[in-house]
């Protein structure tokens, strides 16, 4: 198999893995109100399912990351995809609220493993000159998953209900077949597999400053992404503005398209101007968009604001896969990026409950809750990244 073909297959698998993982996660965002009614609980209580999913992702990042560092990226990626698809499917059969919460908690473990493995496999395989746009494409898998979840919600939710939506999410398991047939192992891992493997704790102790900085940075990143996504369709567009199902679906499709464009564009830009400069630019561009995004009232202006906002939010995120993998200690590259990303998720996992509570106290007006979280997170990202470090161009293919 030619090197370019191998690289292409790896990029496709990593992109689809994160796309389908995000698709399975975002299904819950759209059916929150329906699940709450089924189990006779409040919307705020049900957001605990989102919190539990996000909180368990660091566990999955460490568990699956360490397995991938030890046994290879490819076989562990296969196992990981099978796990998150199976748990998504079973969520549709949950008989009680407790069972549903348990399944979403386990799904969080599985979800936490995919990003780190897929990103390390891709970055270790593709040529250095590809890293910027591949990074943007990989991270665009997240809004791509949101786009697919939006489309599925619009097409199938009125027909199959929330339980059927989770069963549709379980079809992600078909990706396993593609990975097993077409995806090779990381050349960097193959070159290192005979070398001694240090434990993750000693390596992290030797890079403690990098670890702390990366975790704080990724906490801000996760507050920015989840703070602009989790409650936007259901609570902000649905409860506050009382838009119809069709209007919510249309706006969500528009802003998820903006997120895909932004991720790829800023990822490619980072190859020219640097990782830090691209991230800072994207983060600061979100600030003047806050009034249009959170305080407009007409659907058309909210759609424009949401498109531009997600283009910048996911533009900043589009640089993250390359940035973290380049900074990562090579011995634990399947573990470190995913771990700091998902630990940031854990520290930001209260976002949905926080925003829902703030909105409830303001008579279900979520504008200030959304804008305050997004604006604060964007400023923190600009400061942390702008005064941080980068390792653009570092060699990864042993």
Protein backbone atom coordinates (compact mmCIF):
# COMPACT_ATOMS: atom_id res chain seq x y z
CA UNK A 1 0.00 0.00 0.00
CA UNK A 2 1.44 3.38 -1.04
CA UNK A 3 2.31 5.86 1.70
CA UNK A 4 -0.24 8.40 0.46
CA UNK A 5 -2.98 5.77 0.41
CA UNK A 6 -2.12 4.65 3.94
CA UNK A 7 -2.21 8.25 5.15
CA UNK A 8 -5.53 8.88 3.42
CA UNK A 9 -7.15 5.78 4.96
CA UNK A 10 -5.93 6.73 8.43
CA UNK A 11 -7.27 10.28 8.08
CA UNK A 12 -10.66 8.97 6.92
CA UNK A 13 -10.88 6.53 9.83
CA UNK A 14 -9.84 9.10 12.43
CA UNK A 15 -12.26 11.68 11.04
CA UNK A 16 -15.16 9.24 10.92
CA UNK A 17 -14.35 7.93 14.40
CA UNK A 18 -14.65 11.39 15.96
CA UNK A 19 -17.65 12.23 13.76
CA UNK A 20 -19.62 9.17 14.86
CA UNK A 21 -18.51 9.54 18.48
CA UNK A 22 -19.80 13.14 18.47
CA UNK A 23 -22.97 12.08 16.63
CA UNK A 24 -23.74 9.61 19.40
CA UNK A 25 -23.08 12.26 22.06
CA UNK A 26 -25.14 15.01 20.45
CA UNK A 27 -28.22 12.86 20.00
CA UNK A 28 -28.84 13.38 23.71
CA UNK A 29 -28.63 17.16 23.31
CA UNK A 30 -31.59 17.13 20.94
CA UNK A 31 -33.79 14.70 22.89
CA UNK A 32 -33.16 16.04 26.42
CA UNK A 33 -36.71 17.30 26.87
CA UNK A 34 -38.25 14.06 25.54
CA UNK A 35 -36.13 11.87 27.84
CA UNK A 36 -36.99 14.11 30.81
CA UNK A 37 -40.71 13.69 30.11
CA UNK A 38 -40.37 9.91 29.78
CA UNK A 39 -38.68 9.59 33.16
CA UNK A 40 -40.82 12.35 34.76
CA UNK A 41 -37.89 14.56 35.74
CA UNK A 42 -36.77 18.13 35.08
CA UNK A 43 -34.58 19.35 32.23
CA UNK A 44 -31.99 20.56 34.74
CA UNK A 45 -31.85 17.11 36.36
CA UNK A 46 -31.44 15.42 32.99
CA UNK A 47 -28.46 17.62 32.13
CA UNK A 48 -26.67 15.50 34.76
CA UNK A 49 -26.46 12.84 32.01
CA UNK A 50 -24.34 15.28 29.97
CA UNK A 51 -22.24 16.06 33.02
CA UNK A 52 -21.63 12.36 33.74
CA UNK A 53 -20.66 11.69 30.14
CA UNK A 54 -18.17 14.55 30.12
CA UNK A 55 -16.87 13.70 33.59
CA UNK A 56 -15.98 10.12 32.62
CA UNK A 57 -14.15 10.98 29.43
CA UNK A 58 -10.75 11.42 31.17
CA UNK A 59 -11.08 7.85 32.47
CA UNK A 60 -11.57 6.62 28.92
CA UNK A 61 -8.69 8.74 27.65
CA UNK A 62 -6.28 7.15 30.13
CA UNK A 63 -7.68 3.62 29.80
CA UNK A 64 -7.78 3.42 26.01
CA UNK A 65 -4.75 5.69 25.58
CA UNK A 66 -2.52 3.47 27.69
CA UNK A 67 -3.76 0.40 25.82
CA UNK A 68 -2.98 2.12 22.51
CA UNK A 69 0.50 3.10 23.69
CA UNK A 70 1.13 -0.51 24.68
CA UNK A 71 -0.68 -2.61 22.06
CA UNK A 72 -0.93 -0.26 19.10
CA UNK A 73 -3.32 2.42 17.88
CA UNK A 74 -5.27 0.31 15.36
CA UNK A 75 -6.58 -2.61 17.49
CA UNK A 76 -7.51 -0.36 20.39
CA UNK A 77 -9.34 2.04 18.06
CA UNK A 78 -11.40 -0.92 16.80
CA UNK A 79 -12.31 -1.93 20.37
CA UNK A 80 -13.11 1.66 21.32
CA UNK A 81 -15.51 2.23 18.41
CA UNK A 82 -17.30 -1.03 19.18
CA UNK A 83 -17.71 0.05 22.82
CA UNK A 84 -19.18 3.50 22.25
CA UNK A 85 -21.51 2.24 19.50
CA UNK A 86 -22.78 -0.61 21.67
CA UNK A 87 -23.43 1.60 24.68
CA UNK A 88 -25.23 4.14 22.49
CA UNK A 89 -27.51 1.41 21.17
CA UNK A 90 -28.27 0.11 24.67
CA UNK A 91 -29.18 3.65 25.85
CA UNK A 92 -32.32 3.36 23.75
CA UNK A 93 -33.49 0.44 25.89
CA UNK A 94 -32.96 2.08 29.30
CA UNK A 95 -35.99 1.16 31.47
CA UNK A 96 -35.37 3.72 34.23
CA UNK A 97 -33.66 7.05 34.76
CA UNK A 98 -30.96 5.33 36.84
CA UNK A 99 -30.23 2.81 34.08
CA UNK A 100 -30.07 5.63 31.55
CA UNK A 101 -27.59 7.57 33.70
CA UNK A 102 -25.39 4.47 34.14
CA UNK A 103 -25.31 3.82 30.40
CA UNK A 104 -24.43 7.45 29.64
CA UNK A 105 -21.67 7.28 32.24
CA UNK A 106 -20.18 4.20 30.57
CA UNK A 107 -20.62 5.86 27.19
CA UNK A 108 -18.50 8.73 28.53
CA UNK A 109 -15.65 6.28 29.23
CA UNK A 110 -15.81 4.95 25.67
CA UNK A 111 -16.19 8.41 24.14
CA UNK A 112 -13.13 9.64 26.02
CA UNK A 113 -10.83 7.15 24.32
CA UNK A 114 -11.48 7.81 20.65
CA UNK A 115 -10.10 11.30 20.13
CA UNK A 116 -6.64 10.68 21.54
CA UNK A 117 -6.12 7.42 19.68
CA UNK A 118 -7.45 8.70 16.36
CA UNK A 119 -5.48 11.95 16.53
CA UNK A 120 -2.19 10.25 17.46
CA UNK A 121 -2.62 7.64 14.73
CA UNK A 122 -3.27 10.36 12.13
CA UNK A 123 -0.52 12.75 13.22
CA UNK A 124 2.06 9.96 13.41
CA UNK A 125 1.13 8.74 9.92
CA UNK A 126 0.62 11.84 7.72
CA UNK A 127 3.49 13.96 6.35
CA UNK A 128 4.41 17.00 8.42
CA UNK A 129 3.14 19.38 5.74
CA UNK A 130 -0.35 17.84 6.03
CA UNK A 131 -0.71 18.34 9.78
CA UNK A 132 -2.49 21.69 9.78
CA UNK A 133 -5.37 20.85 7.48
CA UNK A 134 -5.60 17.26 8.76
CA UNK A 135 -5.85 18.66 12.30
CA UNK A 136 -8.69 20.90 11.19
CA UNK A 137 -10.41 18.04 9.38
CA UNK A 138 -10.13 15.70 12.37
CA UNK A 139 -11.56 18.27 14.74
CA UNK A 140 -14.24 19.08 12.19
CA UNK A 141 -15.46 15.56 12.93
CA UNK A 142 -17.05 17.00 16.09
CA UNK A 143 -19.31 19.52 14.29
CA UNK A 144 -19.77 16.95 11.52
CA UNK A 145 -21.22 14.64 14.15
CA UNK A 146 -23.43 17.49 15.32
CA UNK A 147 -24.53 18.08 11.72
CA UNK A 148 -25.46 14.41 11.30
CA UNK A 149 -27.25 14.37 14.67
CA UNK A 150 -29.20 17.46 13.65
CA UNK A 151 -30.19 15.94 10.33
CA UNK A 152 -31.13 12.63 11.98
CA UNK A 153 -33.16 14.47 14.62
CA UNK A 154 -35.03 16.42 11.96
CA UNK A 155 -35.73 13.36 9.81
CA UNK A 156 -36.22 10.50 12.23
CA UNK A 157 -37.12 11.77 15.70
CA UNK A 158 -40.78 12.40 14.82
CA UNK A 159 -40.92 8.81 13.54
CA UNK A 160 -38.82 6.71 15.95
CA UNK A 161 -38.75 8.87 19.11
CA UNK A 162 -35.81 9.34 21.42
CA UNK A 163 -35.25 5.61 21.97
CA UNK A 164 -35.03 5.00 18.25
CA UNK A 165 -32.56 7.86 17.91
CA UNK A 166 -30.11 6.11 20.24
CA UNK A 167 -30.54 2.88 18.30
CA UNK A 168 -29.68 4.73 15.09
CA UNK A 169 -26.55 5.97 16.85
CA UNK A 170 -25.52 2.37 17.47
CA UNK A 171 -24.97 1.96 13.71
CA UNK A 172 -21.59 3.66 14.28
CA UNK A 173 -20.25 0.14 14.78
CA UNK A 174 -19.93 -0.29 11.00
CA UNK A 175 -16.76 1.84 11.17
CA UNK A 176 -15.03 -1.15 12.78
CA UNK A 177 -15.17 -2.97 9.45
CA UNK A 178 -13.42 -0.15 7.61
CA UNK A 179 -10.66 0.17 10.22
CA UNK A 180 -9.97 -3.56 10.22
CA UNK A 181 -9.83 -3.71 6.43
CA UNK A 182 -8.10 -0.48 5.40
CA UNK A 183 -6.21 1.20 8.26
CA UNK A 184 -2.52 0.38 8.98
CA UNK A 185 -0.73 0.72 12.28
CA UNK A 186 1.12 3.92 13.18
CA UNK A 187 4.70 3.84 11.79
CA UNK A 188 5.91 5.70 14.87
CA UNK A 189 4.39 3.11 17.21
CA UNK A 190 5.85 0.26 15.13
CA UNK A 191 9.30 1.85 15.40
CA UNK A 192 8.97 2.28 19.18
CA UNK A 193 7.33 -1.00 20.14
CA UNK A 194 10.63 -2.78 20.89
CA UNK A 195 11.87 0.08 23.09
CA UNK A 196 11.25 0.19 26.86
CA UNK A 197 7.88 1.69 27.70
CA UNK A 198 8.00 4.09 30.65
CA UNK A 199 4.95 4.41 32.88
CA UNK A 200 2.69 7.36 32.27
CA UNK A 201 3.22 8.77 35.78
CA UNK A 202 7.04 9.24 35.49
CA UNK A 203 6.67 10.86 32.07
CA UNK A 204 4.00 13.25 33.34
CA UNK A 205 6.14 14.13 36.38
CA UNK A 206 8.96 15.07 34.00
CA UNK A 207 6.56 17.32 32.08
CA UNK A 208 4.50 18.65 35.00
CA UNK A 209 4.48 22.26 33.82
CA UNK A 210 3.31 21.26 30.35
CA UNK A 211 0.62 19.03 31.89
CA UNK A 212 -0.83 21.75 34.13
CA UNK A 213 -0.81 24.38 31.38
CA UNK A 214 -2.42 22.01 28.86
CA UNK A 215 -5.18 20.96 31.28
CA UNK A 216 -6.08 24.55 32.15
CA UNK A 217 -6.03 25.49 28.47
CA UNK A 218 -8.28 22.57 27.52
CA UNK A 219 -10.68 23.42 30.36
CA UNK A 220 -11.16 26.84 28.78
CA UNK A 221 -11.53 25.24 25.35
CA UNK A 222 -14.24 22.92 26.61
CA UNK A 223 -16.15 25.71 28.33
CA UNK A 224 -16.08 27.55 24.99
CA UNK A 225 -17.32 24.63 22.92
CA UNK A 226 -19.89 23.19 25.32
CA UNK A 227 -20.91 26.64 26.45
CA UNK A 228 -21.88 27.51 22.88
CA UNK A 229 -23.44 24.14 21.95
CA UNK A 230 -25.02 22.12 24.74
CA UNK A 231 -28.09 24.23 25.51
CA UNK A 232 -28.28 26.26 22.31
CA UNK A 233 -30.75 24.11 20.32
CA UNK A 234 -32.98 22.75 23.07
CA UNK A 235 -33.06 25.45 25.76
CA UNK A 236 -32.12 28.67 23.92
CA UNK A 237 -33.86 28.13 20.56
CA UNK A 238 -36.59 25.81 21.82
CA UNK A 239 -37.55 26.90 25.34
CA UNK A 240 -36.58 30.60 25.27
CA UNK A 241 -37.49 31.49 21.67
CA UNK A 242 -40.14 28.79 21.19
CA UNK A 243 -39.04 28.12 17.64
CA UNK A 244 -40.54 25.21 15.76
CA UNK A 245 -38.83 21.87 15.28
CA UNK A 246 -38.06 22.77 11.65
CA UNK A 247 -36.56 26.17 12.56
CA UNK A 248 -34.33 24.70 15.27
CA UNK A 249 -33.14 22.01 12.88
CA UNK A 250 -32.37 24.53 10.14
CA UNK A 251 -30.40 26.86 12.42
CA UNK A 252 -28.46 23.93 13.89
CA UNK A 253 -27.55 22.65 10.42
CA UNK A 254 -26.36 26.13 9.44
CA UNK A 255 -24.11 26.64 12.45
CA UNK A 256 -22.68 23.12 12.32
CA UNK A 257 -21.71 23.81 8.70
CA UNK A 258 -19.95 26.96 9.91
CA UNK A 259 -18.09 24.89 12.50
CA UNK A 260 -16.82 22.48 9.83
CA UNK A 261 -15.65 25.34 7.61
CA UNK A 262 -13.92 27.07 10.53
CA UNK A 263 -12.14 23.95 11.76
CA UNK A 264 -10.58 23.15 8.40
CA UNK A 265 -9.81 26.80 7.54
CA UNK A 266 -8.05 27.69 10.80
CA UNK A 267 -6.30 24.31 10.94
CA UNK A 268 -4.82 24.96 7.50
CA UNK A 269 -4.00 28.56 8.47
CA UNK A 270 -2.04 27.31 11.49
CA UNK A 271 0.37 25.56 9.13
CA UNK A 272 1.33 29.01 7.79
CA UNK A 273 1.10 31.40 10.75
CA UNK A 274 1.66 28.98 13.65
CA UNK A 275 -0.58 27.11 16.06
CA UNK A 276 -0.73 29.83 18.72
CA UNK A 277 -1.47 32.69 16.35
CA UNK A 278 -4.30 30.80 14.63
CA UNK A 279 -5.95 29.83 17.93
CA UNK A 280 -5.69 33.33 19.43
CA UNK A 281 -7.14 34.89 16.27
CA UNK A 282 -10.12 32.52 16.21
CA UNK A 283 -10.83 32.93 19.95
CA UNK A 284 -10.77 36.73 19.87
CA UNK A 285 -13.05 36.84 16.82
CA UNK A 286 -15.83 35.27 18.92
CA UNK A 287 -16.10 38.35 21.16
CA UNK A 288 -17.68 40.83 18.73
CA UNK A 289 -20.10 38.08 17.66
CA UNK A 290 -21.66 37.63 21.12
CA UNK A 291 -24.48 40.23 20.74
CA UNK A 292 -25.64 38.79 17.42
CA UNK A 293 -25.29 35.17 18.54
CA UNK A 294 -26.97 35.38 21.96
CA UNK A 295 -29.21 38.46 21.89
CA UNK A 296 -30.73 38.61 18.41
CA UNK A 297 -34.37 37.57 18.20
CA UNK A 298 -35.11 36.94 14.52
CA UNK A 299 -34.31 33.41 13.33
CA UNK A 300 -32.32 34.66 10.34
CA UNK A 301 -29.98 36.78 12.49
CA UNK A 302 -29.58 34.04 15.05
CA UNK A 303 -28.63 31.69 12.21
CA UNK A 304 -26.03 34.17 10.90
CA UNK A 305 -24.63 34.75 14.39
CA UNK A 306 -24.51 31.03 15.16
CA UNK A 307 -22.77 30.24 11.85
CA UNK A 308 -20.05 32.83 12.49
CA UNK A 309 -19.71 31.92 16.16
CA UNK A 310 -19.22 28.22 15.50
CA UNK A 311 -16.84 28.98 12.64
CA UNK A 312 -14.59 30.77 15.13
CA UNK A 313 -15.13 28.38 18.07
CA UNK A 314 -14.34 25.31 16.02
CA UNK A 315 -11.69 27.28 14.15
CA UNK A 316 -9.76 27.55 17.40
CA UNK A 317 -10.48 23.87 18.09
CA UNK A 318 -9.30 22.89 14.60
CA UNK A 319 -5.70 23.58 15.60
CA UNK A 320 -5.86 21.52 18.80
CA UNK A 321 -5.14 17.98 17.45
CA UNK A 322 -1.89 19.09 15.80
CA UNK A 323 -0.94 21.43 18.66
CA UNK A 324 -1.36 18.85 21.45
CA UNK A 325 0.22 15.97 19.52
CA UNK A 326 3.25 18.08 18.62
CA UNK A 327 3.68 19.08 22.27
CA UNK A 328 3.11 15.57 23.63
CA UNK A 329 5.93 13.41 25.02
CA UNK A 330 6.30 10.80 22.23
CA UNK A 331 6.29 7.80 24.59
CA UNK A 332 2.70 8.53 25.64
CA UNK A 333 1.32 10.29 22.58
CA UNK A 334 -1.85 8.17 22.51
CA UNK A 335 -2.46 9.08 26.17
CA UNK A 336 -1.29 12.66 26.77
CA UNK A 337 -3.36 14.67 24.24
CA UNK A 338 -6.54 12.73 24.94
CA UNK A 339 -6.00 12.87 28.70
CA UNK A 340 -5.49 16.65 28.92
CA UNK A 341 -8.38 17.20 26.49
CA UNK A 342 -10.76 14.99 28.44
CA UNK A 343 -9.57 16.21 31.85
CA UNK A 344 -10.42 19.68 30.60
CA UNK A 345 -13.81 18.24 29.69
CA UNK A 346 -14.18 16.91 33.23
CA UNK A 347 -13.37 20.29 34.74
CA UNK A 348 -15.90 21.91 32.39
CA UNK A 349 -18.49 19.16 32.76
CA UNK A 350 -20.74 21.31 34.96
CA UNK A 351 -21.31 23.73 32.09
CA UNK A 352 -24.73 22.47 30.98
CA UNK A 353 -26.10 22.32 34.52
CA UNK A 354 -24.60 25.74 35.31
CA UNK A 355 -26.11 27.38 32.25
CA UNK A 356 -29.46 25.65 32.73
CA UNK A 357 -29.61 26.83 36.35
CA UNK A 358 -28.70 30.41 35.40
CA UNK A 359 -31.33 30.40 32.68
CA UNK A 360 -33.98 28.98 35.00
CA UNK A 361 -33.29 31.75 37.53
CA UNK A 362 -33.76 34.31 34.76
CA UNK A 363 -37.21 32.97 33.81
CA UNK A 364 -35.79 30.70 31.09
CA UNK A 365 -33.84 33.46 29.39
CA UNK A 366 -30.52 31.84 28.50
CA UNK A 367 -28.86 34.73 26.61
CA UNK A 368 -26.69 35.97 29.47
CA UNK A 369 -25.79 32.46 30.59
CA UNK A 370 -24.55 31.61 27.10
CA UNK A 371 -22.75 34.90 26.44
CA UNK A 372 -20.96 35.13 29.79
CA UNK A 373 -19.52 31.62 29.57
CA UNK A 374 -18.47 31.95 25.93
CA UNK A 375 -16.89 35.38 26.34
CA UNK A 376 -14.94 34.46 29.46
CA UNK A 377 -13.66 31.22 27.93
CA UNK A 378 -12.55 32.96 24.72
CA UNK A 379 -10.49 35.54 26.62
CA UNK A 380 -8.86 32.84 28.76
CA UNK A 381 -7.95 30.80 25.67
CA UNK A 382 -6.35 33.81 24.01
CA UNK A 383 -4.23 34.51 27.10
CA UNK A 384 -3.25 30.90 27.83
CA UNK A 385 -2.36 30.05 24.25
CA UNK A 386 -0.82 33.41 23.40
CA UNK A 387 1.64 33.17 26.30
CA UNK A 388 2.12 29.40 25.92
CA UNK A 389 4.40 27.26 23.77
CA UNK A 390 4.17 25.39 20.48
CA UNK A 391 6.22 22.77 18.64
CA UNK A 392 5.05 23.15 15.03
CA UNK A 393 7.02 20.87 12.71
CA UNK A 394 8.37 18.50 15.37
CA UNK A 395 9.29 15.07 13.96
CA UNK A 396 6.73 12.34 14.78
CA UNK A 397 7.50 9.55 12.32
CA UNK A 398 10.37 7.54 13.74
